[in-house]
PDB file of all heavy atoms in Angstrom:
ATOM      1  N   HIS A   1       0.849  -1.196   0.000  1.00  0.00           N
ATOM      2  CA  HIS A   1       0.000   0.000   0.000  1.00  0.00           C
ATOM      3  C   HIS A   1       0.880   1.239   0.000  1.00  0.00           C
ATOM      4  O   HIS A   1       1.626   1.486   0.942  1.00  0.00           O
ATOM      5  CB  HIS A   1      -0.914   0.000   1.229  1.00  0.00           C
ATOM      6  CG  HIS A   1      -1.846   1.167   1.285  1.00  0.00           C
ATOM      7  ND1 HIS A   1      -2.836   1.395   0.345  1.00  0.00           N
ATOM      8  CD2 HIS A   1      -1.933   2.198   2.171  1.00  0.00           C
ATOM      9  CE1 HIS A   1      -3.496   2.484   0.659  1.00  0.00           C
ATOM     10  NE2 HIS A   1      -2.965   3.003   1.755  1.00  0.00           N
ATOM     11  N   LYS A   2       0.816   2.001  -1.083  1.00  0.00           N
ATOM     12  CA  LYS A   2       1.557   3.256  -1.226  1.00  0.00           C
ATOM     13  C   LYS A   2       3.048   3.089  -0.959  1.00  0.00           C
ATOM     14  O   LYS A   2       3.665   3.874  -0.236  1.00  0.00           O
ATOM     15  CB  LYS A   2       0.970   4.338  -0.315  1.00  0.00           C
ATOM     16  CG  LYS A   2      -0.456   4.722  -0.671  1.00  0.00           C
ATOM     17  CD  LYS A   2      -0.988   5.830   0.216  1.00  0.00           C
ATOM     18  CE  LYS A   2      -2.396   6.236  -0.193  1.00  0.00           C
ATOM     19  NZ  LYS A   2      -2.924   7.321   0.652  1.00  0.00           N
ATOM     20  N   GLY A   3       3.643   2.034  -1.520  1.00  0.00           N
ATOM     21  CA  GLY A   3       5.084   1.840  -1.433  1.00  0.00           C
ATOM     22  C   GLY A   3       5.577   1.245  -0.128  1.00  0.00           C
ATOM     23  O   GLY A   3       6.783   1.200   0.105  1.00  0.00           O
ATOM     24  N   ARG A   4       4.655   0.755   0.722  1.00  0.00           N
ATOM     25  CA  ARG A   4       5.039   0.135   1.984  1.00  0.00           C
ATOM     26  C   ARG A   4       4.349  -1.225   2.117  1.00  0.00           C
ATOM     27  O   ARG A   4       3.353  -1.493   1.450  1.00  0.00           O
ATOM     28  CB  ARG A   4       4.670   1.034   3.172  1.00  0.00           C
ATOM     29  CG  ARG A   4       5.509   2.294   3.273  1.00  0.00           C
ATOM     30  CD  ARG A   4       6.941   1.956   3.681  1.00  0.00           C
ATOM     31  NE  ARG A   4       7.747   3.135   3.920  1.00  0.00           N
ATOM     32  CZ  ARG A   4       8.436   3.776   3.002  1.00  0.00           C
ATOM     33  NH1 ARG A   4       8.389   3.355   1.742  1.00  0.00           N
ATOM     34  NH2 ARG A   4       9.169   4.820   3.309  1.00  0.00           N
ATOM     35  N   CYS A   5       4.869  -2.071   2.999  1.00  0.00           N
ATOM     36  CA  CYS A   5       4.342  -3.418   3.182  1.00  0.00           C
ATOM     37  C   CYS A   5       3.640  -3.542   4.532  1.00  0.00           C
ATOM     38  O   CYS A   5       4.167  -3.076   5.548  1.00  0.00           O
ATOM     39  CB  CYS A   5       5.472  -4.447   3.075  1.00  0.00           C
ATOM     40  SG  CYS A   5       6.317  -4.426   1.466  1.00  0.00           S
ATOM     41  N   TYR A   6       2.452  -4.189   4.534  1.00  0.00           N
ATOM     42  CA  TYR A   6       1.659  -4.328   5.756  1.00  0.00           C
ATOM     43  C   TYR A   6       1.156  -5.763   5.879  1.00  0.00           C
ATOM     44  O   TYR A   6       0.960  -6.458   4.873  1.00  0.00           O
ATOM     45  CB  TYR A   6       0.456  -3.373   5.736  1.00  0.00           C
ATOM     46  CG  TYR A   6       0.826  -1.914   5.638  1.00  0.00           C
ATOM     47  CD1 TYR A   6       0.979  -1.296   4.393  1.00  0.00           C
ATOM     48  CD2 TYR A   6       1.023  -1.142   6.776  1.00  0.00           C
ATOM     49  CE1 TYR A   6       1.317   0.047   4.295  1.00  0.00           C
ATOM     50  CE2 TYR A   6       1.351   0.197   6.683  1.00  0.00           C
ATOM     51  CZ  TYR A   6       1.501   0.784   5.443  1.00  0.00           C
ATOM     52  OH  TYR A   6       1.831   2.114   5.349  1.00  0.00           O
ATOM     53  N   ALA A   7       0.900  -6.175   7.127  1.00  0.00           N
ATOM     54  CA  ALA A   7       0.327  -7.502   7.366  1.00  0.00           C
ATOM     55  C   ALA A   7      -1.123  -7.554   6.903  1.00  0.00           C
ATOM     56  O   ALA A   7      -1.632  -8.613   6.530  1.00  0.00           O
ATOM     57  CB  ALA A   7       0.421  -7.857   8.844  1.00  0.00           C
ATOM     58  N   ALA A   8      -1.822  -6.411   6.900  1.00  0.00           N
ATOM     59  CA  ALA A   8      -3.195  -6.294   6.403  1.00  0.00           C
ATOM     60  C   ALA A   8      -3.370  -4.896   5.827  1.00  0.00           C
ATOM     61  O   ALA A   8      -2.633  -3.978   6.187  1.00  0.00           O
ATOM     62  CB  ALA A   8      -4.201  -6.544   7.521  1.00  0.00           C
ATOM     63  N   CYS A   9      -4.335  -4.746   4.934  1.00  0.00           N
ATOM     64  CA  CYS A   9      -4.562  -3.439   4.324  1.00  0.00           C
ATOM     65  C   CYS A   9      -4.963  -2.426   5.398  1.00  0.00           C
ATOM     66  O   CYS A   9      -5.761  -2.735   6.283  1.00  0.00           O
ATOM     67  CB  CYS A   9      -5.658  -3.528   3.269  1.00  0.00           C
ATOM     68  SG  CYS A   9      -5.160  -4.420   1.778  1.00  0.00           S
ATOM     69  N   PRO A  10      -4.423  -1.205   5.346  1.00  0.00           N
ATOM     70  CA  PRO A  10      -4.795  -0.176   6.326  1.00  0.00           C
ATOM     71  C   PRO A  10      -6.283   0.126   6.272  1.00  0.00           C
ATOM     72  O   PRO A  10      -6.963  -0.170   5.281  1.00  0.00           O
ATOM     73  CB  PRO A  10      -3.953   1.039   5.888  1.00  0.00           C
ATOM     74  CG  PRO A  10      -2.836   0.460   5.094  1.00  0.00           C
ATOM     75  CD  PRO A  10      -3.391  -0.744   4.411  1.00  0.00           C
ATOM     76  N   GLU A  11      -6.802   0.705   7.337  1.00  0.00           N
ATOM     77  CA  GLU A  11      -8.222   1.032   7.424  1.00  0.00           C
ATOM     78  C   GLU A  11      -8.631   1.953   6.278  1.00  0.00           C
ATOM     79  O   GLU A  11      -7.964   2.924   5.959  1.00  0.00           O
ATOM     80  CB  GLU A  11      -8.519   1.706   8.773  1.00  0.00           C
ATOM     81  CG  GLU A  11      -9.987   1.978   9.009  1.00  0.00           C
ATOM     82  CD  GLU A  11     -10.250   2.597  10.372  1.00  0.00           C
ATOM     83  OE1 GLU A  11      -9.269   2.770  11.139  1.00  0.00           O
ATOM     84  OE2 GLU A  11     -11.407   2.886  10.669  1.00  0.00           O
ATOM     85  N   GLY A  12      -9.754   1.616   5.664  1.00  0.00           N
ATOM     86  CA  GLY A  12     -10.247   2.408   4.544  1.00  0.00           C
ATOM     87  C   GLY A  12      -9.755   1.933   3.193  1.00  0.00           C
ATOM     88  O   GLY A  12     -10.124   2.503   2.165  1.00  0.00           O
ATOM     89  N   SER A  13      -8.939   0.884   3.158  1.00  0.00           N
ATOM     90  CA  SER A  13      -8.456   0.338   1.891  1.00  0.00           C
ATOM     91  C   SER A  13      -8.698  -1.170   1.871  1.00  0.00           C
ATOM     92  O   SER A  13      -8.874  -1.797   2.910  1.00  0.00           O
ATOM     93  CB  SER A  13      -6.972   0.643   1.700  1.00  0.00           C
ATOM     94  OG  SER A  13      -6.200   0.032   2.713  1.00  0.00           O
ATOM     95  N   PHE A  14      -8.702  -1.738   0.650  1.00  0.00           N
ATOM     96  CA  PHE A  14      -9.034  -3.137   0.482  1.00  0.00           C
ATOM     97  C   PHE A  14      -8.157  -3.734  -0.606  1.00  0.00           C
ATOM     98  O   PHE A  14      -7.674  -3.028  -1.495  1.00  0.00           O
ATOM     99  CB  PHE A  14     -10.514  -3.298   0.103  1.00  0.00           C
ATOM    100  CG  PHE A  14     -11.463  -2.672   1.087  1.00  0.00           C
ATOM    101  CD1 PHE A  14     -11.805  -1.329   0.984  1.00  0.00           C
ATOM    102  CD2 PHE A  14     -11.993  -3.410   2.124  1.00  0.00           C
ATOM    103  CE1 PHE A  14     -12.659  -0.732   1.884  1.00  0.00           C
ATOM    104  CE2 PHE A  14     -12.856  -2.827   3.038  1.00  0.00           C
ATOM    105  CZ  PHE A  14     -13.189  -1.494   2.926  1.00  0.00           C
ATOM    106  N   ALA A  15      -7.960  -5.054  -0.527  1.00  0.00           N
ATOM    107  CA  ALA A  15      -7.196  -5.756  -1.563  1.00  0.00           C
ATOM    108  C   ALA A  15      -8.032  -5.791  -2.833  1.00  0.00           C
ATOM    109  O   ALA A  15      -9.149  -6.307  -2.848  1.00  0.00           O
ATOM    110  CB  ALA A  15      -6.861  -7.165  -1.100  1.00  0.00           C
ATOM    111  N   ALA A  16      -7.514  -5.222  -3.894  1.00  0.00           N
ATOM    112  CA  ALA A  16      -8.279  -5.058  -5.131  1.00  0.00           C
ATOM    113  C   ALA A  16      -8.245  -6.325  -5.962  1.00  0.00           C
ATOM    114  O   ALA A  16      -7.178  -6.838  -6.286  1.00  0.00           O
ATOM    115  CB  ALA A  16      -7.722  -3.883  -5.942  1.00  0.00           C
ATOM    116  N   ASN A  17      -9.463  -6.829  -6.305  1.00  0.00           N
ATOM    117  CA  ASN A  17      -9.617  -7.948  -7.245  1.00  0.00           C
ATOM    118  C   ASN A  17      -8.749  -9.158  -6.882  1.00  0.00           C
ATOM    119  O   ASN A  17      -8.134  -9.788  -7.737  1.00  0.00           O
ATOM    120  CB  ASN A  17      -9.294  -7.480  -8.668  1.00  0.00           C
ATOM    121  CG  ASN A  17     -10.204  -6.362  -9.123  1.00  0.00           C
ATOM    122  OD1 ASN A  17     -11.366  -6.313  -8.744  1.00  0.00           O
ATOM    123  ND2 ASN A  17      -9.684  -5.459  -9.937  1.00  0.00           N
ATOM    124  N   GLY A  18      -8.680  -9.486  -5.598  1.00  0.00           N
ATOM    125  CA  GLY A  18      -7.954 -10.668  -5.167  1.00  0.00           C
ATOM    126  C   GLY A  18      -6.445 -10.553  -5.217  1.00  0.00           C
ATOM    127  O   GLY A  18      -5.742 -11.548  -5.072  1.00  0.00           O
ATOM    128  N   THR A  19      -5.906  -9.360  -5.405  1.00  0.00           N
ATOM    129  CA  THR A  19      -4.459  -9.175  -5.441  1.00  0.00           C
ATOM    130  C   THR A  19      -3.947  -8.869  -4.040  1.00  0.00           C
ATOM    131  O   THR A  19      -4.707  -8.849  -3.072  1.00  0.00           O
ATOM    132  CB  THR A  19      -4.080  -8.034  -6.392  1.00  0.00           C
ATOM    133  OG1 THR A  19      -4.585  -6.791  -5.856  1.00  0.00           O
ATOM    134  CG2 THR A  19      -4.680  -8.250  -7.773  1.00  0.00           C
ATOM    135  N   ILE A  20      -2.647  -8.620  -3.935  1.00  0.00           N
ATOM    136  CA  ILE A  20      -2.052  -8.259  -2.640  1.00  0.00           C
ATOM    137  C   ILE A  20      -1.740  -6.766  -2.592  1.00  0.00           C
ATOM    138  O   ILE A  20      -0.949  -6.321  -1.773  1.00  0.00           O
ATOM    139  CB  ILE A  20      -0.782  -9.083  -2.378  1.00  0.00           C
ATOM    140  CG1 ILE A  20       0.229  -8.902  -3.514  1.00  0.00           C
ATOM    141  CG2 ILE A  20      -1.108 -10.547  -2.187  1.00  0.00           C
ATOM    142  CD1 ILE A  20       1.575  -9.541  -3.240  1.00  0.00           C
ATOM    143  N   GLU A  21      -2.370  -5.996  -3.481  1.00  0.00           N
ATOM    144  CA  GLU A  21      -2.211  -4.541  -3.475  1.00  0.00           C
ATOM    145  C   GLU A  21      -3.472  -3.907  -2.909  1.00  0.00           C
ATOM    146  O   GLU A  21      -4.576  -4.197  -3.355  1.00  0.00           O
ATOM    147  CB  GLU A  21      -1.922  -4.019  -4.886  1.00  0.00           C
ATOM    148  CG  GLU A  21      -0.583  -4.470  -5.437  1.00  0.00           C
ATOM    149  CD  GLU A  21      -0.250  -3.783  -6.757  1.00  0.00           C
ATOM    150  OE1 GLU A  21      -0.918  -2.783  -7.079  1.00  0.00           O
ATOM    151  OE2 GLU A  21       0.664  -4.240  -7.439  1.00  0.00           O
ATOM    152  N   CYS A  22      -3.301  -3.051  -1.922  1.00  0.00           N
ATOM    153  CA  CYS A  22      -4.435  -2.401  -1.274  1.00  0.00           C
ATOM    154  C   CYS A  22      -4.842  -1.170  -2.064  1.00  0.00           C
ATOM    155  O   CYS A  22      -4.003  -0.410  -2.542  1.00  0.00           O
ATOM    156  CB  CYS A  22      -4.082  -1.998   0.157  1.00  0.00           C
ATOM    157  SG  CYS A  22      -3.541  -3.379   1.188  1.00  0.00           S
ATOM    158  N   SER A  23      -6.136  -0.975  -2.170  1.00  0.00           N
ATOM    159  CA  SER A  23      -6.657   0.225  -2.828  1.00  0.00           C
ATOM    160  C   SER A  23      -7.854   0.710  -2.041  1.00  0.00           C
ATOM    161  O   SER A  23      -8.504  -0.050  -1.327  1.00  0.00           O
ATOM    162  CB  SER A  23      -7.055  -0.072  -4.275  1.00  0.00           C
ATOM    163  OG  SER A  23      -8.063  -1.060  -4.313  1.00  0.00           O
ATOM    164  N   GLY A  24      -8.170   1.999  -2.168  1.00  0.00           N
ATOM    165  CA  GLY A  24      -9.274   2.597  -1.440  1.00  0.00           C
ATOM    166  C   GLY A  24     -10.328   3.126  -2.392  1.00  0.00           C
ATOM    167  O   GLY A  24     -10.224   2.999  -3.608  1.00  0.00           O
ATOM    168  N   PRO A  25     -11.397   3.752  -1.839  1.00  0.00           N
ATOM    169  CA  PRO A  25     -12.463   4.293  -2.681  1.00  0.00           C
ATOM    170  C   PRO A  25     -11.978   5.289  -3.708  1.00  0.00           C
ATOM    171  O   PRO A  25     -12.568   5.413  -4.768  1.00  0.00           O
ATOM    172  CB  PRO A  25     -13.398   4.968  -1.664  1.00  0.00           C
ATOM    173  CG  PRO A  25     -13.114   4.264  -0.382  1.00  0.00           C
ATOM    174  CD  PRO A  25     -11.662   3.907  -0.421  1.00  0.00           C
ATOM    175  N   ALA A  26     -10.872   6.007  -3.394  1.00  0.00           N
ATOM    176  CA  ALA A  26     -10.372   7.000  -4.347  1.00  0.00           C
ATOM    177  C   ALA A  26      -9.880   6.365  -5.634  1.00  0.00           C
ATOM    178  O   ALA A  26      -9.708   7.038  -6.631  1.00  0.00           O
ATOM    179  CB  ALA A  26      -9.239   7.814  -3.720  1.00  0.00           C
ATOM    180  N   GLN A  27      -9.655   5.027  -5.617  1.00  0.00           N
ATOM    181  CA  GLN A  27      -9.140   4.358  -6.789  1.00  0.00           C
ATOM    182  C   GLN A  27     -10.248   3.721  -7.618  1.00  0.00           C
ATOM    183  O   GLN A  27      -9.980   2.924  -8.507  1.00  0.00           O
ATOM    184  CB  GLN A  27      -8.112   3.305  -6.379  1.00  0.00           C
ATOM    185  CG  GLN A  27      -6.861   3.922  -5.760  1.00  0.00           C
ATOM    186  CD  GLN A  27      -5.829   2.884  -5.387  1.00  0.00           C
ATOM    187  OE1 GLN A  27      -6.126   1.703  -5.332  1.00  0.00           O
ATOM    188  NE2 GLN A  27      -4.617   3.328  -5.129  1.00  0.00           N
ATOM    189  N   CYS A  28     -11.517   4.035  -7.319  1.00  0.00           N
ATOM    190  CA  CYS A  28     -12.608   3.573  -8.172  1.00  0.00           C
ATOM    191  C   CYS A  28     -12.457   4.203  -9.554  1.00  0.00           C
ATOM    192  O   CYS A  28     -12.110   5.372  -9.674  1.00  0.00           O
ATOM    193  CB  CYS A  28     -13.960   3.971  -7.582  1.00  0.00           C
ATOM    194  SG  CYS A  28     -14.459   2.984  -6.168  1.00  0.00           S
ATOM    195  N   GLU A  29     -12.765   3.418 -10.562  1.00  0.00           N
ATOM    196  CA  GLU A  29     -12.692   3.940 -11.929  1.00  0.00           C
ATOM    197  C   GLU A  29     -14.096   4.342 -12.353  1.00  0.00           C
ATOM    198  O   GLU A  29     -14.995   3.503 -12.441  1.00  0.00           O
ATOM    199  CB  GLU A  29     -12.117   2.893 -12.874  1.00  0.00           C
ATOM    200  CG  GLU A  29     -11.864   3.425 -14.268  1.00  0.00           C
ATOM    201  CD  GLU A  29     -11.212   2.390 -15.175  1.00  0.00           C
ATOM    202  OE1 GLU A  29     -10.837   1.320 -14.670  1.00  0.00           O
ATOM    203  OE2 GLU A  29     -11.088   2.677 -16.385  1.00  0.00           O
ATOM    204  N   MET A  30     -14.300   5.639 -12.587  1.00  0.00           N
ATOM    205  CA  MET A  30     -15.619   6.175 -12.905  1.00  0.00           C
ATOM    206  C   MET A  30     -15.640   6.716 -14.331  1.00  0.00           C
ATOM    207  O   MET A  30     -14.621   7.164 -14.860  1.00  0.00           O
ATOM    208  CB  MET A  30     -15.993   7.299 -11.931  1.00  0.00           C
ATOM    209  CG  MET A  30     -15.826   6.961 -10.464  1.00  0.00           C
ATOM    210  SD  MET A  30     -16.989   5.713  -9.887  1.00  0.00           S
ATOM    211  CE  MET A  30     -18.536   6.610 -10.020  1.00  0.00           C
ATOM    212  N   SER A  31     -16.821   6.691 -14.952  1.00  0.00           N
ATOM    213  CA  SER A  31     -16.978   7.302 -16.269  1.00  0.00           C
ATOM    214  C   SER A  31     -17.134   8.815 -16.116  1.00  0.00           C
ATOM    215  O   SER A  31     -17.261   9.332 -15.003  1.00  0.00           O
ATOM    216  CB  SER A  31     -18.206   6.719 -16.968  1.00  0.00           C
ATOM    217  OG  SER A  31     -19.398   7.148 -16.300  1.00  0.00           O
ATOM    218  N   GLU A  32     -17.151   9.525 -17.234  1.00  0.00           N
ATOM    219  CA  GLU A  32     -17.386  10.972 -17.201  1.00  0.00           C
ATOM    220  C   GLU A  32     -18.858  11.240 -16.876  1.00  0.00           C
ATOM    221  O   GLU A  32     -19.735  10.411 -17.131  1.00  0.00           O
ATOM    222  CB  GLU A  32     -17.030  11.597 -18.552  1.00  0.00           C
ATOM    223  CG  GLU A  32     -15.557  11.477 -18.922  1.00  0.00           C
ATOM    224  CD  GLU A  32     -14.664  12.302 -18.008  1.00  0.00           C
ATOM    225  OE1 GLU A  32     -15.148  13.331 -17.493  1.00  0.00           O
ATOM    226  OE2 GLU A  32     -13.505  11.912 -17.804  1.00  0.00           O
ATOM    227  N   TRP A  33     -19.119  12.410 -16.305  1.00  0.00           N
ATOM    228  CA  TRP A  33     -20.494  12.804 -16.024  1.00  0.00           C
ATOM    229  C   TRP A  33     -21.259  12.983 -17.330  1.00  0.00           C
ATOM    230  O   TRP A  33     -20.746  13.531 -18.298  1.00  0.00           O
ATOM    231  CB  TRP A  33     -20.538  14.103 -15.233  1.00  0.00           C
ATOM    232  CG  TRP A  33     -20.179  13.955 -13.784  1.00  0.00           C
ATOM    233  CD1 TRP A  33     -19.021  14.332 -13.190  1.00  0.00           C
ATOM    234  CD2 TRP A  33     -20.993  13.393 -12.755  1.00  0.00           C
ATOM    235  NE1 TRP A  33     -19.051  14.034 -11.847  1.00  0.00           N
ATOM    236  CE2 TRP A  33     -20.251  13.465 -11.544  1.00  0.00           C
ATOM    237  CE3 TRP A  33     -22.274  12.837 -12.724  1.00  0.00           C
ATOM    238  CZ2 TRP A  33     -20.759  12.996 -10.337  1.00  0.00           C
ATOM    239  CZ3 TRP A  33     -22.774  12.373 -11.507  1.00  0.00           C
ATOM    240  CH2 TRP A  33     -22.019  12.462 -10.339  1.00  0.00           C
ATOM    241  N   GLY A  34     -22.500  12.536 -17.353  1.00  0.00           N
ATOM    242  CA  GLY A  34     -23.364  12.760 -18.502  1.00  0.00           C
ATOM    243  C   GLY A  34     -23.952  14.165 -18.455  1.00  0.00           C
ATOM    244  O   GLY A  34     -23.750  14.905 -17.492  1.00  0.00           O
ATOM    245  N   PRO A  35     -24.706  14.565 -19.470  1.00  0.00           N
ATOM    246  CA  PRO A  35     -25.300  15.922 -19.488  1.00  0.00           C
ATOM    247  C   PRO A  35     -26.416  16.038 -18.447  1.00  0.00           C
ATOM    248  O   PRO A  35     -26.997  15.031 -18.016  1.00  0.00           O
ATOM    249  CB  PRO A  35     -25.851  16.040 -20.908  1.00  0.00           C
ATOM    250  CG  PRO A  35     -26.108  14.626 -21.336  1.00  0.00           C
ATOM    251  CD  PRO A  35     -25.047  13.796 -20.684  1.00  0.00           C
ATOM    252  N   TRP A  36     -26.716  17.283 -18.063  1.00  0.00           N
ATOM    253  CA  TRP A  36     -27.814  17.524 -17.133  1.00  0.00           C
ATOM    254  C   TRP A  36     -29.137  17.223 -17.818  1.00  0.00           C
ATOM    255  O   TRP A  36     -29.349  17.568 -18.975  1.00  0.00           O
ATOM    256  CB  TRP A  36     -27.802  18.967 -16.653  1.00  0.00           C
ATOM    257  CG  TRP A  36     -26.688  19.276 -15.698  1.00  0.00           C
ATOM    258  CD1 TRP A  36     -25.535  19.935 -15.973  1.00  0.00           C
ATOM    259  CD2 TRP A  36     -26.630  18.926 -14.307  1.00  0.00           C
ATOM    260  NE1 TRP A  36     -24.748  20.018 -14.849  1.00  0.00           N
ATOM    261  CE2 TRP A  36     -25.392  19.412 -13.809  1.00  0.00           C
ATOM    262  CE3 TRP A  36     -27.485  18.259 -13.440  1.00  0.00           C
ATOM    263  CZ2 TRP A  36     -25.003  19.249 -12.481  1.00  0.00           C
ATOM    264  CZ3 TRP A  36     -27.103  18.090 -12.116  1.00  0.00           C
ATOM    265  CH2 TRP A  36     -25.879  18.573 -11.648  1.00  0.00           C
ATOM    266  N   GLY A  37     -30.041  16.574 -17.091  1.00  0.00           N
ATOM    267  CA  GLY A  37     -31.360  16.270 -17.625  1.00  0.00           C
ATOM    268  C   GLY A  37     -32.283  17.471 -17.529  1.00  0.00           C
ATOM    269  O   GLY A  37     -31.916  18.529 -17.007  1.00  0.00           O
ATOM    270  N   PRO A  38     -33.523  17.355 -18.034  1.00  0.00           N
ATOM    271  CA  PRO A  38     -34.473  18.478 -17.988  1.00  0.00           C
ATOM    272  C   PRO A  38     -34.903  18.794 -16.561  1.00  0.00           C
ATOM    273  O   PRO A  38     -34.860  17.933 -15.676  1.00  0.00           O
ATOM    274  CB  PRO A  38     -35.645  17.966 -18.836  1.00  0.00           C
ATOM    275  CG  PRO A  38     -35.558  16.470 -18.735  1.00  0.00           C
ATOM    276  CD  PRO A  38     -34.108  16.150 -18.654  1.00  0.00           C
ATOM    277  N   CYS A  39     -35.320  20.017 -16.357  1.00  0.00           N
ATOM    278  CA  CYS A  39     -35.815  20.439 -15.051  1.00  0.00           C
ATOM    279  C   CYS A  39     -37.172  19.779 -14.810  1.00  0.00           C
ATOM    280  O   CYS A  39     -38.059  19.801 -15.677  1.00  0.00           O
ATOM    281  CB  CYS A  39     -35.949  21.960 -15.022  1.00  0.00           C
ATOM    282  SG  CYS A  39     -36.210  22.641 -13.366  1.00  0.00           S
ATOM    283  N   SER A  40     -37.337  19.165 -13.648  1.00  0.00           N
ATOM    284  CA  SER A  40     -38.573  18.431 -13.367  1.00  0.00           C
ATOM    285  C   SER A  40     -38.930  18.562 -11.894  1.00  0.00           C
ATOM    286  O   SER A  40     -38.103  18.938 -11.060  1.00  0.00           O
ATOM    287  CB  SER A  40     -38.425  16.959 -13.753  1.00  0.00           C
ATOM    288  OG  SER A  40     -37.416  16.353 -12.966  1.00  0.00           O
TER     289      SER A  40
END
């Protein structure tokens, strides 16, 4: 995690996709925002 080794992922981070690399919510891959919809 961030260039250091830990016995478990630090709080707020998780092992991504079964690997031994910890990642947190900030590493979610998101699409671009779509256009604003009509006023309703």
